[in-house]
PDB file of N, CA and C in Angstrom:
ATOM      1  N   MET A   1      55.046-112.196  -5.120  1.00  0.00           N
ATOM      2  CA  MET A   1      55.982-111.401  -3.538  1.00  0.00           C
ATOM      3  C   MET A   1      54.352-111.504  -2.484  1.00  0.00           C
ATOM      4  N   MET A   2      54.771-111.801  -1.329  1.00  0.00           N
ATOM      5  CA  MET A   2      53.366-111.786  -0.395  1.00  0.00           C
ATOM      6  C   MET A   2      53.125-110.070  -0.035  1.00  0.00           C
ATOM      7  N   GLU A   3      51.888-110.164   0.262  1.00  0.00           N
ATOM      8  CA  GLU A   3      51.402-108.813   0.750  1.00  0.00           C
ATOM      9  C   GLU A   3      51.554-108.436   2.126  1.00  0.00           C
ATOM     10  N   LYS A   4      52.189-107.375   2.250  1.00  0.00           N
ATOM     11  CA  LYS A   4      52.591-107.008   3.591  1.00  0.00           C
ATOM     12  C   LYS A   4      51.284-106.921   4.905  1.00  0.00           C
ATOM     13  N   PHE A   5      51.143-107.486   5.979  1.00  0.00           N
ATOM     14  CA  PHE A   5      50.066-107.615   6.545  1.00  0.00           C
ATOM     15  C   PHE A   5      50.027-106.122   7.532  1.00  0.00           C
ATOM     16  N   ILE A   6      48.857-105.623   7.379  1.00  0.00           N
ATOM     17  CA  ILE A   6      48.780-104.366   7.761  1.00  0.00           C
ATOM     18  C   ILE A   6      47.016-104.512   8.747  1.00  0.00           C
ATOM     19  N   PRO A   7      47.031-104.381  10.204  1.00  0.00           N
ATOM     20  CA  PRO A   7      46.230-104.146  11.472  1.00  0.00           C
ATOM     21  C   PRO A   7      44.838-103.467  10.388  1.00  0.00           C
ATOM     22  N   TYR A   8      44.114-103.917  10.744  1.00  0.00           N
ATOM     23  CA  TYR A   8      42.679-103.336  10.051  1.00  0.00           C
ATOM     24  C   TYR A   8      42.354-101.939  11.042  1.00  0.00           C
ATOM     25  N   GLU A   9      42.985-101.628  12.037  1.00  0.00           N
ATOM     26  CA  GLU A   9      42.681-100.368  12.778  1.00  0.00           C
ATOM     27  C   GLU A   9      43.704 -99.638  11.979  1.00  0.00           C
ATOM     28  N   LYS A  10      44.914-100.080  11.453  1.00  0.00           N
ATOM     29  CA  LYS A  10      45.693 -98.876  10.417  1.00  0.00           C
ATOM     30  C   LYS A  10      45.336 -98.457   9.174  1.00  0.00           C
ATOM     31  N   LEU A  11      44.478 -99.411   8.426  1.00  0.00           N
ATOM     32  CA  LEU A  11      44.196 -99.404   6.964  1.00  0.00           C
ATOM     33  C   LEU A  11      43.233 -98.127   7.032  1.00  0.00           C
ATOM     34  N   SER A  12      44.036 -97.562   5.859  1.00  0.00           N
ATOM     35  CA  SER A  12      42.735 -96.362   5.171  1.00  0.00           C
ATOM     36  C   SER A  12      41.563 -96.418   5.276  1.00  0.00           C
ATOM     37  N   LYS A  13      40.761 -95.473   5.421  1.00  0.00           N
ATOM     38  CA  LYS A  13      39.154 -95.377   5.131  1.00  0.00           C
ATOM     39  C   LYS A  13      38.920 -96.273   3.743  1.00  0.00           C
ATOM     40  N   LYS A  14      39.650 -95.942   2.775  1.00  0.00           N
ATOM     41  CA  LYS A  14      39.052 -96.392   1.623  1.00  0.00           C
ATOM     42  C   LYS A  14      39.571 -98.070   1.545  1.00  0.00           C
ATOM     43  N   GLU A  15      40.505 -98.479   2.017  1.00  0.00           N
ATOM     44  CA  GLU A  15      41.077 -99.943   2.156  1.00  0.00           C
ATOM     45  C   GLU A  15      39.587-100.620   3.033  1.00  0.00           C
ATOM     46  N   LYS A  16      39.348 -99.834   4.134  1.00  0.00           N
ATOM     47  CA  LYS A  16      38.573-100.787   5.138  1.00  0.00           C
ATOM     48  C   LYS A  16      37.040-100.628   4.111  1.00  0.00           C
ATOM     49  N   ARG A  17      36.518 -99.950   3.602  1.00  0.00           N
ATOM     50  CA  ARG A  17      35.402 -99.841   3.109  1.00  0.00           C
ATOM     51  C   ARG A  17      35.564-101.104   1.871  1.00  0.00           C
ATOM     52  N   LYS A  18      36.339-100.904   1.263  1.00  0.00           N
ATOM     53  CA  LYS A  18      36.573-102.039   0.280  1.00  0.00           C
ATOM     54  C   LYS A  18      36.832-103.576   1.106  1.00  0.00           C
ATOM     55  N   ARG A  19      37.378-103.871   1.998  1.00  0.00           N
ATOM     56  CA  ARG A  19      37.306-104.948   2.856  1.00  0.00           C
ATOM     57  C   ARG A  19      36.067-105.507   3.445  1.00  0.00           C
ATOM     58  N   ASN A  20      35.176-104.491   3.872  1.00  0.00           N
ATOM     59  CA  ASN A  20      33.989-104.332   4.134  1.00  0.00           C
ATOM     60  C   ASN A  20      33.027-104.972   3.242  1.00  0.00           C
ATOM     61  N   ALA A  21      33.013-104.173   2.227  1.00  0.00           N
ATOM     62  CA  ALA A  21      32.240-104.617   1.065  1.00  0.00           C
ATOM     63  C   ALA A  21      32.212-105.924   0.565  1.00  0.00           C
ATOM     64  N   ALA A  22      33.864-106.539   0.340  1.00  0.00           N
ATOM     65  CA  ALA A  22      33.946-108.036   0.062  1.00  0.00           C
ATOM     66  C   ALA A  22      33.543-108.977   1.032  1.00  0.00           C
ATOM     67  N   ARG A  23      33.360-108.530   2.297  1.00  0.00           N
ATOM     68  CA  ARG A  23      32.887-109.591   3.528  1.00  0.00           C
ATOM     69  C   ARG A  23      31.359-109.530   3.519  1.00  0.00           C
ATOM     70  N   ARG A  24      30.985-108.405   2.970  1.00  0.00           N
ATOM     71  CA  ARG A  24      29.315-108.573   3.164  1.00  0.00           C
ATOM     72  C   ARG A  24      28.579-109.486   2.422  1.00  0.00           C
ATOM     73  N   ASN A  25      27.308-110.029   2.338  1.00  0.00           N
ATOM     74  CA  ASN A  25      26.898-110.945   1.854  1.00  0.00           C
ATOM     75  C   ASN A  25      25.145-110.565   1.957  1.00  0.00           C
ATOM     76  N   THR A  26      24.378-111.132   0.976  1.00  0.00           N
ATOM     77  CA  THR A  26      22.951-110.857   0.824  1.00  0.00           C
ATOM     78  C   THR A  26      22.423-111.961   1.717  1.00  0.00           C
ATOM     79  N   TRP A  27      20.972-111.740   2.118  1.00  0.00           N
ATOM     80  CA  TRP A  27      20.409-113.117   2.747  1.00  0.00           C
ATOM     81  C   TRP A  27      19.753-113.760   1.504  1.00  0.00           C
ATOM     82  N   GLY A  28      19.995-113.288   0.328  1.00  0.00           N
ATOM     83  CA  GLY A  28      18.934-113.767  -0.687  1.00  0.00           C
ATOM     84  C   GLY A  28      17.547-114.310  -0.252  1.00  0.00           C
ATOM     85  N   ALA A  29      16.835-115.196  -0.577  1.00  0.00           N
ATOM     86  CA  ALA A  29      15.379-115.433  -0.251  1.00  0.00           C
ATOM     87  C   ALA A  29      14.888-115.225   1.274  1.00  0.00           C
ATOM     88  N   LEU A  30      16.154-115.906   2.192  1.00  0.00           N
ATOM     89  CA  LEU A  30      15.535-115.610   3.599  1.00  0.00           C
ATOM     90  C   LEU A  30      15.656-114.096   3.982  1.00  0.00           C
ATOM     91  N   SER A  31      14.189-113.961   4.703  1.00  0.00           N
ATOM     92  CA  SER A  31      14.424-113.016   5.309  1.00  0.00           C
ATOM     93  C   SER A  31      14.871-112.770   6.712  1.00  0.00           C
ATOM     94  N   PRO A  32      15.858-111.492   6.946  1.00  0.00           N
ATOM     95  CA  PRO A  32      16.070-111.546   8.304  1.00  0.00           C
ATOM     96  C   PRO A  32      15.164-110.943   9.444  1.00  0.00           C
ATOM     97  N   VAL A  33      13.865-110.872   9.146  1.00  0.00           N
ATOM     98  CA  VAL A  33      12.857-110.279  10.338  1.00  0.00           C
ATOM     99  C   VAL A  33      12.551-111.486  10.928  1.00  0.00           C
ATOM    100  N   THR A  34      12.459-111.480  12.281  1.00  0.00           N
ATOM    101  CA  THR A  34      11.998-112.655  13.137  1.00  0.00           C
ATOM    102  C   THR A  34      10.472-112.568  12.848  1.00  0.00           C
ATOM    103  N   ARG A  35      10.067-113.888  12.602  1.00  0.00           N
ATOM    104  CA  ARG A  35       8.587-113.960  12.465  1.00  0.00           C
ATOM    105  C   ARG A  35       8.101-114.952  13.699  1.00  0.00           C
ATOM    106  N   ARG A  36       7.012-114.835  14.265  1.00  0.00           N
ATOM    107  CA  ARG A  36       6.503-115.474  15.165  1.00  0.00           C
ATOM    108  C   ARG A  36       4.720-115.597  15.277  1.00  0.00           C
ATOM    109  N   PRO A  37       3.996-116.833  15.366  1.00  0.00           N
ATOM    110  CA  PRO A  37       2.778-116.424  15.233  1.00  0.00           C
ATOM    111  C   PRO A  37       2.216-115.509  16.577  1.00  0.00           C
ATOM    112  N   GLU A  38       0.830-115.100  15.839  1.00  0.00           N
ATOM    113  CA  GLU A  38       0.069-114.096  16.728  1.00  0.00           C
ATOM    114  C   GLU A  38      -0.379-114.592  17.887  1.00  0.00           C
ATOM    115  N   SER A  39      -0.300-114.007  19.014  1.00  0.00           N
ATOM    116  CA  SER A  39      -0.864-114.338  19.986  1.00  0.00           C
ATOM    117  C   SER A  39      -2.085-114.349  20.253  1.00  0.00           C
ATOM    118  N   PRO A  40      -3.225-115.672  20.579  1.00  0.00           N
ATOM    119  CA  PRO A  40      -4.733-115.387  20.675  1.00  0.00           C
ATOM    120  C   PRO A  40      -4.941-114.206  21.737  1.00  0.00           C
ATOM    121  N   LYS A  41      -4.282-113.777  22.877  1.00  0.00           N
ATOM    122  CA  LYS A  41      -4.701-112.895  23.737  1.00  0.00           C
ATOM    123  C   LYS A  41      -4.336-111.610  23.491  1.00  0.00           C
ATOM    124  N   ALA A  42      -3.389-111.256  22.338  1.00  0.00           N
ATOM    125  CA  ALA A  42      -3.326-109.874  22.152  1.00  0.00           C
ATOM    126  C   ALA A  42      -4.695-109.276  21.559  1.00  0.00           C
ATOM    127  N   TYR A  43      -4.738-107.945  21.725  1.00  0.00           N
ATOM    128  CA  TYR A  43      -5.639-107.105  21.572  1.00  0.00           C
ATOM    129  C   TYR A  43      -5.311-106.653  20.134  1.00  0.00           C
ATOM    130  N   LYS A  44      -6.490-107.066  18.726  1.00  0.00           N
ATOM    131  CA  LYS A  44      -6.322-106.608  17.595  1.00  0.00           C
ATOM    132  C   LYS A  44      -6.778-105.352  17.338  1.00  0.00           C
ATOM    133  N   ARG A  45      -6.159-104.502  17.092  1.00  0.00           N
ATOM    134  CA  ARG A  45      -6.817-103.048  16.427  1.00  0.00           C
ATOM    135  C   ARG A  45      -7.472-103.172  15.367  1.00  0.00           C
ATOM    136  N   LYS A  46      -7.198-103.838  14.429  1.00  0.00           N
ATOM    137  CA  LYS A  46      -7.849-103.958  13.022  1.00  0.00           C
ATOM    138  C   LYS A  46      -9.397-104.327  12.774  1.00  0.00           C
ATOM    139  N   LYS A  47     -10.182-103.229  12.716  1.00  0.00           N
ATOM    140  CA  LYS A  47     -11.664-103.505  12.598  1.00  0.00           C
ATOM    141  C   LYS A  47     -11.865-104.776  11.776  1.00  0.00           C
ATOM    142  N   LEU A  48     -12.641-105.478  12.063  1.00  0.00           N
ATOM    143  CA  LEU A  48     -13.207-106.810  11.415  1.00  0.00           C
ATOM    144  C   LEU A  48     -14.355-105.638  10.366  1.00  0.00           C
ATOM    145  N   ARG A  49     -14.291-106.304   8.991  1.00  0.00           N
ATOM    146  CA  ARG A  49     -15.187-105.504   8.120  1.00  0.00           C
ATOM    147  C   ARG A  49     -15.880-106.816   7.248  1.00  0.00           C
ATOM    148  N   ILE A  50     -17.260-106.378   6.789  1.00  0.00           N
ATOM    149  CA  ILE A  50     -17.927-107.146   6.233  1.00  0.00           C
ATOM    150  C   ILE A  50     -17.332-107.892   4.903  1.00  0.00           C
ATOM    151  N   ASP A  51     -16.534-107.003   4.267  1.00  0.00           N
ATOM    152  CA  ASP A  51     -15.874-107.379   3.230  1.00  0.00           C
ATOM    153  C   ASP A  51     -14.970-108.468   3.229  1.00  0.00           C
ATOM    154  N   ASP A  52     -14.110-108.672   4.480  1.00  0.00           N
ATOM    155  CA  ASP A  52     -13.417-109.634   4.862  1.00  0.00           C
ATOM    156  C   ASP A  52     -13.728-110.781   4.910  1.00  0.00           C
ATOM    157  N   LEU A  53     -15.338-110.800   5.432  1.00  0.00           N
ATOM    158  CA  LEU A  53     -15.729-112.196   5.788  1.00  0.00           C
ATOM    159  C   LEU A  53     -15.995-113.082   4.617  1.00  0.00           C
ATOM    160  N   ASP A  54     -16.269-114.114   4.708  1.00  0.00           N
ATOM    161  CA  ASP A  54     -17.130-115.168   3.780  1.00  0.00           C
ATOM    162  C   ASP A  54     -18.672-114.855   3.251  1.00  0.00           C
ATOM    163  N   PRO A  55     -18.952-114.544   2.075  1.00  0.00           N
ATOM    164  CA  PRO A  55     -20.325-114.421   1.572  1.00  0.00           C
ATOM    165  C   PRO A  55     -21.267-115.455   2.125  1.00  0.00           C
ATOM    166  N   GLN A  56     -20.571-116.648   2.117  1.00  0.00           N
ATOM    167  CA  GLN A  56     -21.643-117.654   2.358  1.00  0.00           C
ATOM    168  C   GLN A  56     -21.932-117.807   3.492  1.00  0.00           C
ATOM    169  N   LEU A  57     -21.411-117.292   4.825  1.00  0.00           N
ATOM    170  CA  LEU A  57     -21.749-116.958   5.890  1.00  0.00           C
ATOM    171  C   LEU A  57     -23.353-116.201   6.033  1.00  0.00           C
ATOM    172  N   PHE A  58     -23.471-115.512   5.185  1.00  0.00           N
ATOM    173  CA  PHE A  58     -24.954-114.444   5.305  1.00  0.00           C
ATOM    174  C   PHE A  58     -25.661-115.236   3.936  1.00  0.00           C
ATOM    175  N   ALA A  59     -25.416-115.922   3.539  1.00  0.00           N
ATOM    176  CA  ALA A  59     -26.432-116.853   2.571  1.00  0.00           C
ATOM    177  C   ALA A  59     -27.801-117.409   3.435  1.00  0.00           C
ATOM    178  N   CYS A  60     -28.899-117.162   3.177  1.00  0.00           N
ATOM    179  CA  CYS A  60     -30.062-117.762   3.936  1.00  0.00           C
ATOM    180  C   CYS A  60     -30.172-119.007   3.071  1.00  0.00           C
ATOM    181  N   PRO A  61     -30.379-120.391   3.793  1.00  0.00           N
ATOM    182  CA  PRO A  61     -30.704-121.719   2.930  1.00  0.00           C
ATOM    183  C   PRO A  61     -31.721-121.740   2.162  1.00  0.00           C
ATOM    184  N   LEU A  62     -32.769-120.633   2.527  1.00  0.00           N
ATOM    185  CA  LEU A  62     -34.424-120.908   2.163  1.00  0.00           C
ATOM    186  C   LEU A  62     -34.826-119.800   0.814  1.00  0.00           C
ATOM    187  N   GLU A  63     -33.694-119.333   0.526  1.00  0.00           N
ATOM    188  CA  GLU A  63     -33.414-118.400  -0.637  1.00  0.00           C
ATOM    189  C   GLU A  63     -32.490-118.933  -1.985  1.00  0.00           C
ATOM    190  N   SER A  64     -32.977-119.483  -2.749  1.00  0.00           N
ATOM    191  CA  SER A  64     -32.593-120.072  -3.687  1.00  0.00           C
ATOM    192  C   SER A  64     -33.351-119.814  -4.593  1.00  0.00           C
ATOM    193  N   PRO A  65     -32.684-119.688  -5.881  1.00  0.00           N
ATOM    194  CA  PRO A  65     -33.040-119.016  -7.088  1.00  0.00           C
ATOM    195  C   PRO A  65     -34.215-119.865  -7.845  1.00  0.00           C
ATOM    196  N   GLY A  66     -34.074-121.065  -7.362  1.00  0.00           N
ATOM    197  CA  GLY A  66     -34.852-122.025  -8.258  1.00  0.00           C
ATOM    198  C   GLY A  66     -36.292-122.153  -7.553  1.00  0.00           C
ATOM    199  N   ARG A  67     -36.491-121.535  -6.353  1.00  0.00           N
ATOM    200  CA  ARG A  67     -37.552-122.191  -5.556  1.00  0.00           C
ATOM    201  C   ARG A  67     -38.285-120.725  -5.189  1.00  0.00           C
ATOM    202  N   LEU A  68     -39.621-120.762  -5.436  1.00  0.00           N
ATOM    203  CA  LEU A  68     -40.533-119.625  -5.262  1.00  0.00           C
ATOM    204  C   LEU A  68     -41.498-120.140  -4.223  1.00  0.00           C
ATOM    205  N   TRP A  69     -41.914-119.066  -3.288  1.00  0.00           N
ATOM    206  CA  TRP A  69     -42.982-119.406  -2.234  1.00  0.00           C
ATOM    207  C   TRP A  69     -44.361-119.014  -2.616  1.00  0.00           C
TER     208      TRP A  69
END
């Protein structure tokens, strides 16, 4: 026997919840957050720290462990 059609608006609260849950899906591995590249003109509030920089930038080429003056 076929189920009788009942408009969504006339369904009980419990039945609406059941149907909504059945239609809901997950995003899986895809993140729904919109992502875009940073604007180079934007002001960056994060302070630049020495810890974040590459230590090779501050190494003096004259100071080597095997060379004494």
